[in-house]
Amino acid sequence: MNFVKNQNQSVGIGIWGTSPHSMGKILPGINDVKNLKFVGFLSRNKNKKNIDLKKFKVFESEKEFLSNRDMDLVVISTPPGLHFNHGMKALKAGKNVIIEKPLSTNIDHTYKLLKAAEKLNLLIVEAYYYQFNEQYNFIKTKFLENKSKTFS
């Protein structure tokens, strides 16, 4: 499941969805990492006001987006009810996948995504960044210290 052959090779990333979160959080994170190369967005609407069309490639069809050979990984940032279908399409297209939380909206779909990724030898990850948040770690520590007690 190694999609980077050497340290000098960049990983091409596409973002499925053009929400303010995609533009304001995900894209800057990609651009901050040396060996990541942003390939483009997939949007249902190319006339998005929050996208500089001169600066970014916007794909209008799933087929064009998922068949792009420069794209190694797809970040899915669409409404949660679409995560399963979008994730399966990306995996079937041979793309590694990061899905914004939740991975899917039901456990059966989650298992199917995980099994498909395993079968295809592809990466699938839920983007759950709170596990690195200082407040989350504080609460987790307090919880573990006081398992038998209740919080008040």
C-alpha atoms as a PDB file:
ATOM      1  CA  MET A   1       0.000   0.000   0.000  1.00  0.00           C
ATOM      2  CA  ASN A   2       2.922   2.296  -0.719  1.00  0.00           C
ATOM      3  CA  PHE A   3       1.935   4.842  -3.337  1.00  0.00           C
ATOM      4  CA  VAL A   4       5.152   6.872  -3.043  1.00  0.00           C
ATOM      5  CA  LYS A   5       8.098   5.122  -4.648  1.00  0.00           C
ATOM      6  CA  ASN A   6      10.729   7.540  -3.355  1.00  0.00           C
ATOM      7  CA  GLN A   7      10.995  10.701  -1.290  1.00  0.00           C
ATOM      8  CA  ASN A   8      11.370  12.917  -4.360  1.00  0.00           C
ATOM      9  CA  GLN A   9       8.129  11.721  -5.935  1.00  0.00           C
ATOM     10  CA  SER A  10       5.061  13.813  -5.262  1.00  0.00           C
ATOM     11  CA  VAL A  11       1.629  12.442  -4.411  1.00  0.00           C
ATOM     12  CA  GLY A  12      -1.166  13.854  -6.549  1.00  0.00           C
ATOM     13  CA  ILE A  13      -4.300  14.708  -4.570  1.00  0.00           C
ATOM     14  CA  GLY A  14      -7.774  15.626  -5.746  1.00  0.00           C
ATOM     15  CA  ILE A  15     -10.563  16.969  -3.577  1.00  0.00           C
ATOM     16  CA  TRP A  16     -14.113  15.746  -4.193  1.00  0.00           C
ATOM     17  CA  GLY A  17     -16.224  18.686  -3.040  1.00  0.00           C
ATOM     18  CA  THR A  18     -15.805  22.429  -3.040  1.00  0.00           C
ATOM     19  CA  SER A  19     -17.138  23.453   0.345  1.00  0.00           C
ATOM     20  CA  PRO A  20     -15.582  26.264   2.369  1.00  0.00           C
ATOM     21  CA  HIS A  21     -13.964  23.484   4.460  1.00  0.00           C
ATOM     22  CA  SER A  22     -12.319  22.065   1.335  1.00  0.00           C
ATOM     23  CA  MET A  23     -11.009  25.467   0.329  1.00  0.00           C
ATOM     24  CA  GLY A  24     -10.121  26.822   3.759  1.00  0.00           C
ATOM     25  CA  LYS A  25      -8.773  23.758   5.579  1.00  0.00           C
ATOM     26  CA  ILE A  26      -7.992  20.837   3.265  1.00  0.00           C
ATOM     27  CA  LEU A  27      -6.375  22.697   0.361  1.00  0.00           C
ATOM     28  CA  PRO A  28      -4.026  24.778   2.548  1.00  0.00           C
ATOM     29  CA  GLY A  29      -2.982  21.573   4.338  1.00  0.00           C
ATOM     30  CA  ILE A  30      -2.106  19.950   1.013  1.00  0.00           C
ATOM     31  CA  ASN A  31      -0.220  23.025  -0.145  1.00  0.00           C
ATOM     32  CA  ASP A  32       1.817  23.106   3.085  1.00  0.00           C
ATOM     33  CA  VAL A  33       3.382  19.695   2.450  1.00  0.00           C
ATOM     34  CA  LYS A  34       6.336  19.576   0.076  1.00  0.00           C
ATOM     35  CA  ASN A  35       5.651  16.259  -1.674  1.00  0.00           C
ATOM     36  CA  LEU A  36       1.912  16.738  -2.114  1.00  0.00           C
ATOM     37  CA  LYS A  37       0.647  18.094  -5.426  1.00  0.00           C
ATOM     38  CA  PHE A  38      -2.903  19.397  -5.693  1.00  0.00           C
ATOM     39  CA  VAL A  39      -4.462  18.151  -8.939  1.00  0.00           C
ATOM     40  CA  GLY A  40      -7.944  19.661  -8.778  1.00  0.00           C
ATOM     41  CA  PHE A  41     -11.477  19.723  -7.433  1.00  0.00           C
ATOM     42  CA  LEU A  42     -14.515  17.755  -8.496  1.00  0.00           C
ATOM     43  CA  SER A  43     -17.581  19.945  -8.362  1.00  0.00           C
ATOM     44  CA  ARG A  44     -21.128  19.569  -9.584  1.00  0.00           C
ATOM     45  CA  ASN A  45     -21.043  23.268 -10.397  1.00  0.00           C
ATOM     46  CA  LYS A  46     -18.046  24.841 -12.154  1.00  0.00           C
ATOM     47  CA  ASN A  47     -19.434  28.304 -11.423  1.00  0.00           C
ATOM     48  CA  LYS A  48     -18.520  28.165  -7.751  1.00  0.00           C
ATOM     49  CA  LYS A  49     -17.826  31.658  -6.475  1.00  0.00           C
ATOM     50  CA  ASN A  50     -15.322  30.430  -3.857  1.00  0.00           C
ATOM     51  CA  ILE A  51     -12.934  28.892  -6.457  1.00  0.00           C
ATOM     52  CA  ASP A  52     -10.399  30.840  -8.482  1.00  0.00           C
ATOM     53  CA  LEU A  53     -10.838  29.041 -11.816  1.00  0.00           C
ATOM     54  CA  LYS A  54      -7.614  30.570 -13.151  1.00  0.00           C
ATOM     55  CA  LYS A  55      -5.682  29.050 -10.260  1.00  0.00           C
ATOM     56  CA  PHE A  56      -7.312  25.633  -9.804  1.00  0.00           C
ATOM     57  CA  LYS A  57      -8.473  22.855 -12.105  1.00  0.00           C
ATOM     58  CA  VAL A  58     -12.150  22.007 -11.574  1.00  0.00           C
ATOM     59  CA  PHE A  59     -13.357  18.698 -12.982  1.00  0.00           C
ATOM     60  CA  GLU A  60     -17.014  18.547 -13.930  1.00  0.00           C
ATOM     61  CA  SER A  61     -17.399  14.799 -14.318  1.00  0.00           C
ATOM     62  CA  GLU A  62     -16.620  11.925 -11.980  1.00  0.00           C
ATOM     63  CA  LYS A  63     -15.148   9.957 -14.884  1.00  0.00           C
ATOM     64  CA  GLU A  64     -12.676  12.695 -15.816  1.00  0.00           C
ATOM     65  CA  PHE A  65     -11.742  13.271 -12.168  1.00  0.00           C
ATOM     66  CA  LEU A  66     -11.256   9.620 -11.223  1.00  0.00           C
ATOM     67  CA  SER A  67      -9.397   8.687 -14.420  1.00  0.00           C
ATOM     68  CA  ASN A  68      -6.781  11.406 -13.941  1.00  0.00           C
ATOM     69  CA  ARG A  69      -3.392   9.659 -13.924  1.00  0.00           C
ATOM     70  CA  ASP A  70      -1.710  12.373 -11.862  1.00  0.00           C
ATOM     71  CA  MET A  71      -4.087  11.735  -8.962  1.00  0.00           C
ATOM     72  CA  ASP A  72      -2.974   9.109  -6.439  1.00  0.00           C
ATOM     73  CA  LEU A  73      -5.345  10.020  -3.621  1.00  0.00           C
ATOM     74  CA  VAL A  74      -8.842  11.472  -3.354  1.00  0.00           C
ATOM     75  CA  VAL A  75     -10.044  13.463  -0.362  1.00  0.00           C
ATOM     76  CA  ILE A  76     -13.817  13.162  -0.119  1.00  0.00           C
ATOM     77  CA  SER A  77     -15.369  16.252   1.411  1.00  0.00           C
ATOM     78  CA  THR A  78     -19.002  15.908   0.440  1.00  0.00           C
ATOM     79  CA  PRO A  79     -22.161  15.513   2.546  1.00  0.00           C
ATOM     80  CA  PRO A  80     -21.922  12.385   4.763  1.00  0.00           C
ATOM     81  CA  GLY A  81     -24.762  10.604   2.981  1.00  0.00           C
ATOM     82  CA  LEU A  82     -22.617  10.545  -0.181  1.00  0.00           C
ATOM     83  CA  HIS A  83     -19.399   9.283   1.434  1.00  0.00           C
ATOM     84  CA  PHE A  84     -20.028   5.585   0.793  1.00  0.00           C
ATOM     85  CA  ASN A  85     -20.837   5.964  -2.910  1.00  0.00           C
ATOM     86  CA  HIS A  86     -18.033   8.435  -3.534  1.00  0.00           C
ATOM     87  CA  GLY A  87     -15.562   6.330  -1.562  1.00  0.00           C
ATOM     88  CA  MET A  88     -16.429   3.146  -3.462  1.00  0.00           C
ATOM     89  CA  LYS A  89     -16.146   4.919  -6.820  1.00  0.00           C
ATOM     90  CA  ALA A  90     -12.725   6.306  -5.903  1.00  0.00           C
ATOM     91  CA  LEU A  91     -11.485   2.903  -4.682  1.00  0.00           C
ATOM     92  CA  LYS A  92     -12.787   1.144  -7.806  1.00  0.00           C
ATOM     93  CA  ALA A  93     -10.908   3.742  -9.873  1.00  0.00           C
ATOM     94  CA  GLY A  94      -7.709   2.694  -8.079  1.00  0.00           C
ATOM     95  CA  LYS A  95      -7.392   5.754  -5.872  1.00  0.00           C
ATOM     96  CA  ASN A  96      -6.311   5.866  -2.250  1.00  0.00           C
ATOM     97  CA  VAL A  97      -8.992   7.621  -0.215  1.00  0.00           C
ATOM     98  CA  ILE A  98      -9.321   9.986   2.723  1.00  0.00           C
ATOM     99  CA  ILE A  99     -12.932  10.619   3.718  1.00  0.00           C
ATOM    100  CA  GLU A 100     -13.930  13.469   5.984  1.00  0.00           C
ATOM    101  CA  LYS A 101     -15.699  12.146   9.053  1.00  0.00           C
ATOM    102  CA  PRO A 102     -17.791  10.108   9.174  1.00  0.00           C
ATOM    103  CA  LEU A 103     -16.436   7.388   6.903  1.00  0.00           C
ATOM    104  CA  SER A 104     -20.033   6.462   6.117  1.00  0.00           C
ATOM    105  CA  THR A 105     -23.453   6.812   7.691  1.00  0.00           C
ATOM    106  CA  ASN A 106     -23.905   3.147   8.588  1.00  0.00           C
ATOM    107  CA  ILE A 107     -21.677   0.360   9.805  1.00  0.00           C
ATOM    108  CA  ASP A 108     -22.363  -1.998   6.873  1.00  0.00           C
ATOM    109  CA  HIS A 109     -21.148   0.632   4.421  1.00  0.00           C
ATOM    110  CA  THR A 110     -18.074   1.222   6.556  1.00  0.00           C
ATOM    111  CA  TYR A 111     -17.185  -2.482   6.474  1.00  0.00           C
ATOM    112  CA  LYS A 112     -17.714  -2.576   2.708  1.00  0.00           C
ATOM    113  CA  LEU A 113     -15.372   0.392   2.213  1.00  0.00           C
ATOM    114  CA  LEU A 114     -12.709  -1.185   4.424  1.00  0.00           C
ATOM    115  CA  LYS A 115     -12.985  -4.569   2.705  1.00  0.00           C
ATOM    116  CA  ALA A 116     -12.850  -2.997  -0.760  1.00  0.00           C
ATOM    117  CA  ALA A 117      -9.724  -1.012   0.150  1.00  0.00           C
ATOM    118  CA  GLU A 118      -8.080  -4.113   1.587  1.00  0.00           C
ATOM    119  CA  LYS A 119      -8.959  -6.223  -1.453  1.00  0.00           C
ATOM    120  CA  LEU A 120      -7.617  -3.543  -3.822  1.00  0.00           C
ATOM    121  CA  ASN A 121      -4.552  -2.917  -1.626  1.00  0.00           C
ATOM    122  CA  LEU A 122      -5.476   0.757  -1.283  1.00  0.00           C
ATOM    123  CA  LEU A 123      -5.439   3.152   1.626  1.00  0.00           C
ATOM    124  CA  ILE A 124      -8.688   4.353   3.175  1.00  0.00           C
ATOM    125  CA  VAL A 125      -8.657   6.749   6.117  1.00  0.00           C
ATOM    126  CA  GLU A 126     -11.268   8.703   8.025  1.00  0.00           C
ATOM    127  CA  ALA A 127     -10.122  12.280   8.532  1.00  0.00           C
ATOM    128  CA  TYR A 128     -10.731  12.573  12.235  1.00  0.00           C
ATOM    129  CA  TYR A 129      -8.403  15.313  13.346  1.00  0.00           C
ATOM    130  CA  TYR A 130      -9.827  15.757  16.843  1.00  0.00           C
ATOM    131  CA  GLN A 131      -7.678  12.896  18.111  1.00  0.00           C
ATOM    132  CA  PHE A 132      -4.738  15.330  17.912  1.00  0.00           C
ATOM    133  CA  ASN A 133      -6.586  18.217  19.560  1.00  0.00           C
ATOM    134  CA  GLU A 134      -5.302  19.311  22.964  1.00  0.00           C
ATOM    135  CA  GLN A 135      -8.802  19.510  24.446  1.00  0.00           C
ATOM    136  CA  TYR A 136      -9.674  16.035  23.161  1.00  0.00           C
ATOM    137  CA  ASN A 137      -6.505  14.605  24.713  1.00  0.00           C
ATOM    138  CA  PHE A 138      -7.283  16.314  28.039  1.00  0.00           C
ATOM    139  CA  ILE A 139     -10.787  14.829  28.148  1.00  0.00           C
ATOM    140  CA  LYS A 140      -9.502  11.410  27.102  1.00  0.00           C
ATOM    141  CA  THR A 141      -6.860  11.479  29.856  1.00  0.00           C
ATOM    142  CA  LYS A 142      -9.425  12.494  32.487  1.00  0.00           C
ATOM    143  CA  PHE A 143     -11.804   9.808  31.285  1.00  0.00           C
ATOM    144  CA  LEU A 144      -9.155   7.101  31.491  1.00  0.00           C
ATOM    145  CA  GLU A 145      -8.086   8.285  34.957  1.00  0.00           C
ATOM    146  CA  ASN A 146     -11.663   8.180  36.212  1.00  0.00           C
ATOM    147  CA  LYS A 147     -13.291   5.297  34.334  1.00  0.00           C
ATOM    148  CA  SER A 148     -15.477   4.319  37.242  1.00  0.00           C
ATOM    149  CA  LYS A 149     -16.458   7.889  38.123  1.00  0.00           C
ATOM    150  CA  THR A 150     -18.965  10.131  36.380  1.00  0.00           C
ATOM    151  CA  PHE A 151     -18.296  13.666  35.224  1.00  0.00           C
ATOM    152  CA  SER A 152     -20.296  16.473  36.726  1.00  0.00           C
END
